[in-house]
Amino acid sequence: MALSYKARRRWALVILLIGLPAYVVAAVTLVGLIERPSVLVELAIYLGLGFAWALPFRFVFRGIGQADPELEKTDGQGPSV
């Protein structure tokens, strides 16, 4: 089931405002549970975790910055207000 453009925009907002901060707290807590590794190992862990959070949500964020593809442009100037 494909999400509509508006639904993907709403889910992207929820993920960025609620999910990402929660993931950051979880990642810092997880790394804090182990004895402090060297700076390079810690950097690699954070880079890996930072990349890994976005993988499941690629389909939600794809095309969000573009204009709504479902919107029919009747006069070429966008939606009327």
N, C-alpha and C. Protein backbone atom coordinates (compact mmCIF):
# COMPACT_ATOMS: atom_id res chain seq x y z
N MET A 1 0.84 -1.18 0.00
CA MET A 1 0.00 0.00 0.00
C MET A 1 0.89 1.24 0.00
N ALA A 2 0.76 2.04 -1.02
CA ALA A 2 1.57 3.25 -1.15
C ALA A 2 0.90 4.40 -0.39
N LEU A 3 1.74 5.19 0.25
CA LEU A 3 1.22 6.35 0.97
C LEU A 3 1.07 7.51 0.01
N SER A 4 0.07 8.33 0.25
CA SER A 4 -0.10 9.53 -0.56
C SER A 4 0.98 10.54 -0.20
N TYR A 5 1.10 11.55 -1.04
CA TYR A 5 2.11 12.58 -0.82
C TYR A 5 1.88 13.29 0.52
N LYS A 6 0.63 13.62 0.83
CA LYS A 6 0.33 14.31 2.08
C LYS A 6 0.62 13.42 3.28
N ALA A 7 0.30 12.15 3.17
CA ALA A 7 0.57 11.22 4.27
C ALA A 7 2.08 11.07 4.49
N ARG A 8 2.85 11.00 3.40
CA ARG A 8 4.30 10.91 3.55
C ARG A 8 4.87 12.17 4.18
N ARG A 9 4.33 13.34 3.85
CA ARG A 9 4.80 14.59 4.47
C ARG A 9 4.50 14.59 5.96
N ARG A 10 3.32 14.13 6.34
CA ARG A 10 2.96 14.09 7.76
C ARG A 10 3.83 13.10 8.52
N TRP A 11 4.04 11.91 7.95
CA TRP A 11 4.89 10.92 8.60
C TRP A 11 6.33 11.41 8.70
N ALA A 12 6.81 12.11 7.69
CA ALA A 12 8.17 12.65 7.74
C ALA A 12 8.29 13.64 8.89
N LEU A 13 7.29 14.47 9.08
CA LEU A 13 7.30 15.44 10.17
C LEU A 13 7.29 14.74 11.53
N VAL A 14 6.48 13.72 11.68
CA VAL A 14 6.42 12.97 12.94
C VAL A 14 7.76 12.29 13.21
N ILE A 15 8.34 11.69 12.18
CA ILE A 15 9.62 11.00 12.34
C ILE A 15 10.71 11.98 12.75
N LEU A 16 10.75 13.16 12.12
CA LEU A 16 11.80 14.13 12.43
C LEU A 16 11.61 14.81 13.78
N LEU A 17 10.38 15.07 14.18
CA LEU A 17 10.14 15.79 15.43
C LEU A 17 10.07 14.90 16.66
N ILE A 18 9.64 13.66 16.50
CA ILE A 18 9.49 12.76 17.64
C ILE A 18 10.47 11.60 17.57
N GLY A 19 10.52 10.94 16.43
CA GLY A 19 11.34 9.74 16.28
C GLY A 19 12.83 9.99 16.34
N LEU A 20 13.30 11.00 15.64
CA LEU A 20 14.75 11.27 15.61
C LEU A 20 15.30 11.66 16.98
N PRO A 21 14.68 12.57 17.73
CA PRO A 21 15.20 12.84 19.08
C PRO A 21 15.17 11.62 19.99
N ALA A 22 14.13 10.81 19.88
CA ALA A 22 14.08 9.59 20.69
C ALA A 22 15.19 8.63 20.29
N TYR A 23 15.49 8.55 19.01
CA TYR A 23 16.57 7.68 18.53
C TYR A 23 17.93 8.19 19.02
N VAL A 24 18.12 9.49 19.03
CA VAL A 24 19.37 10.07 19.51
C VAL A 24 19.57 9.73 20.98
N VAL A 25 18.53 9.89 21.79
CA VAL A 25 18.62 9.56 23.21
C VAL A 25 18.93 8.08 23.39
N ALA A 26 18.28 7.23 22.61
CA ALA A 26 18.53 5.79 22.71
C ALA A 26 19.96 5.44 22.29
N ALA A 27 20.47 6.08 21.24
CA ALA A 27 21.83 5.80 20.79
C ALA A 27 22.86 6.25 21.82
N VAL A 28 22.68 7.41 22.40
CA VAL A 28 23.62 7.90 23.41
C VAL A 28 23.57 7.02 24.65
N THR A 29 22.37 6.59 25.03
CA THR A 29 22.24 5.70 26.18
C THR A 29 22.91 4.36 25.91
N LEU A 30 22.71 3.83 24.71
CA LEU A 30 23.32 2.56 24.33
C LEU A 30 24.84 2.63 24.35
N VAL A 31 25.41 3.68 23.81
CA VAL A 31 26.87 3.84 23.81
C VAL A 31 27.37 4.09 25.23
N GLY A 32 26.56 4.74 26.05
CA GLY A 32 26.96 5.01 27.43
C GLY A 32 26.99 3.77 28.31
N LEU A 33 26.31 2.72 27.89
CA LEU A 33 26.30 1.48 28.68
C LEU A 33 27.63 0.74 28.62
N ILE A 34 28.35 0.91 27.53
CA ILE A 34 29.65 0.24 27.41
C ILE A 34 30.74 1.18 27.93
N GLU A 35 31.87 0.60 28.27
CA GLU A 35 32.98 1.42 28.72
C GLU A 35 33.40 2.32 27.58
N ARG A 36 33.77 3.54 27.90
CA ARG A 36 34.06 4.53 26.86
C ARG A 36 35.18 4.04 25.93
N PRO A 37 34.82 3.86 24.64
CA PRO A 37 35.83 3.42 23.68
C PRO A 37 36.70 4.60 23.23
N SER A 38 37.66 4.32 22.38
CA SER A 38 38.50 5.42 21.86
C SER A 38 37.63 6.35 21.02
N VAL A 39 38.17 7.51 20.75
CA VAL A 39 37.41 8.53 20.03
C VAL A 39 37.02 8.05 18.63
N LEU A 40 37.93 7.38 17.95
CA LEU A 40 37.62 6.92 16.59
C LEU A 40 36.55 5.82 16.59
N VAL A 41 36.59 4.93 17.56
CA VAL A 41 35.58 3.88 17.64
C VAL A 41 34.23 4.49 17.98
N GLU A 42 34.22 5.43 18.91
CA GLU A 42 32.98 6.10 19.27
C GLU A 42 32.41 6.88 18.09
N LEU A 43 33.26 7.54 17.34
CA LEU A 43 32.82 8.27 16.14
C LEU A 43 32.23 7.30 15.13
N ALA A 44 32.88 6.15 14.93
CA ALA A 44 32.37 5.16 13.99
C ALA A 44 31.01 4.62 14.44
N ILE A 45 30.84 4.41 15.74
CA ILE A 45 29.55 3.93 16.26
C ILE A 45 28.46 4.96 15.98
N TYR A 46 28.73 6.23 16.29
CA TYR A 46 27.72 7.26 16.07
C TYR A 46 27.42 7.46 14.59
N LEU A 47 28.43 7.38 13.74
CA LEU A 47 28.19 7.51 12.30
C LEU A 47 27.35 6.34 11.79
N GLY A 48 27.65 5.14 12.25
CA GLY A 48 26.86 3.99 11.85
C GLY A 48 25.42 4.08 12.32
N LEU A 49 25.23 4.46 13.57
CA LEU A 49 23.87 4.61 14.09
C LEU A 49 23.13 5.77 13.41
N GLY A 50 23.86 6.82 13.08
CA GLY A 50 23.24 7.95 12.39
C GLY A 50 22.79 7.60 10.99
N PHE A 51 23.52 6.74 10.33
CA PHE A 51 23.14 6.29 9.00
C PHE A 51 22.01 5.26 9.08
N ALA A 52 22.06 4.40 10.08
CA ALA A 52 21.11 3.29 10.18
C ALA A 52 19.68 3.75 10.48
N TRP A 53 19.49 4.88 11.14
CA TRP A 53 18.13 5.29 11.50
C TRP A 53 17.32 5.65 10.26
N ALA A 54 17.98 6.13 9.22
CA ALA A 54 17.25 6.61 8.05
C ALA A 54 16.90 5.50 7.06
N LEU A 55 17.57 4.37 7.14
CA LEU A 55 17.33 3.31 6.16
C LEU A 55 15.88 2.83 6.12
N PRO A 56 15.23 2.58 7.23
CA PRO A 56 13.84 2.12 7.14
C PRO A 56 12.86 3.18 6.64
N PHE A 57 13.26 4.44 6.69
CA PHE A 57 12.33 5.52 6.35
C PHE A 57 12.62 6.18 5.01
N ARG A 58 13.45 5.55 4.18
CA ARG A 58 13.79 6.14 2.89
C ARG A 58 12.55 6.41 2.05
N PHE A 59 11.60 5.47 2.03
CA PHE A 59 10.41 5.64 1.20
C PHE A 59 9.56 6.80 1.67
N VAL A 60 9.61 7.13 2.96
CA VAL A 60 8.81 8.24 3.47
C VAL A 60 9.41 9.57 3.03
N PHE A 61 10.73 9.69 3.07
CA PHE A 61 11.38 10.96 2.78
C PHE A 61 11.62 11.20 1.29
N ARG A 62 11.51 10.18 0.47
CA ARG A 62 11.80 10.33 -0.96
C ARG A 62 10.76 11.24 -1.61
N GLY A 63 11.20 12.35 -2.19
CA GLY A 63 10.34 13.25 -2.93
C GLY A 63 9.58 14.25 -2.09
N ILE A 64 9.84 14.33 -0.80
CA ILE A 64 9.09 15.25 0.07
C ILE A 64 9.38 16.71 -0.28
N GLY A 65 10.59 17.01 -0.71
CA GLY A 65 10.95 18.40 -1.03
C GLY A 65 10.43 18.87 -2.38
N GLN A 66 9.85 17.98 -3.15
CA GLN A 66 9.32 18.32 -4.46
C GLN A 66 7.88 18.79 -4.35
N ALA A 67 7.37 19.32 -5.44
CA ALA A 67 5.96 19.72 -5.48
C ALA A 67 5.08 18.48 -5.45
N ASP A 68 3.85 18.63 -5.03
CA ASP A 68 2.91 17.52 -4.94
C ASP A 68 2.64 16.96 -6.33
N PRO A 69 3.03 15.73 -6.60
CA PRO A 69 2.81 15.17 -7.94
C PRO A 69 1.35 14.86 -8.22
N GLU A 70 0.52 14.75 -7.20
CA GLU A 70 -0.90 14.44 -7.38
C GLU A 70 -1.73 15.68 -7.66
N LEU A 71 -1.12 16.84 -7.49
CA LEU A 71 -1.85 18.09 -7.68
C LEU A 71 -1.93 18.41 -9.17
N GLU A 72 -3.14 18.60 -9.65
CA GLU A 72 -3.30 18.96 -11.06
C GLU A 72 -3.17 20.47 -11.20
N LYS A 73 -2.27 20.86 -12.05
CA LYS A 73 -2.07 22.29 -12.29
C LYS A 73 -2.91 22.69 -13.49
N THR A 74 -3.97 23.41 -13.23
CA THR A 74 -4.89 23.77 -14.30
C THR A 74 -4.38 24.97 -15.09
N ASP A 75 -3.83 25.95 -14.40
CA ASP A 75 -3.39 27.14 -15.13
C ASP A 75 -1.86 27.30 -15.09
N GLY A 76 -1.16 26.32 -14.55
CA GLY A 76 0.29 26.38 -14.53
C GLY A 76 0.87 27.22 -13.41
N GLN A 77 0.03 27.78 -12.54
CA GLN A 77 0.53 28.63 -11.47
C GLN A 77 0.30 28.01 -10.10
N GLY A 78 -0.07 26.76 -10.05
CA GLY A 78 -0.24 26.09 -8.77
C GLY A 78 -1.65 26.19 -8.26
N PRO A 79 -1.85 25.78 -7.03
CA PRO A 79 -3.21 25.76 -6.47
C PRO A 79 -3.70 27.17 -6.15
N SER A 80 -4.98 27.35 -6.31
CA SER A 80 -5.56 28.63 -5.93
C SER A 80 -5.96 28.59 -4.47
N VAL A 81 -5.83 29.71 -3.80
CA VAL A 81 -6.11 29.77 -2.37
C VAL A 81 -7.47 30.30 -2.09
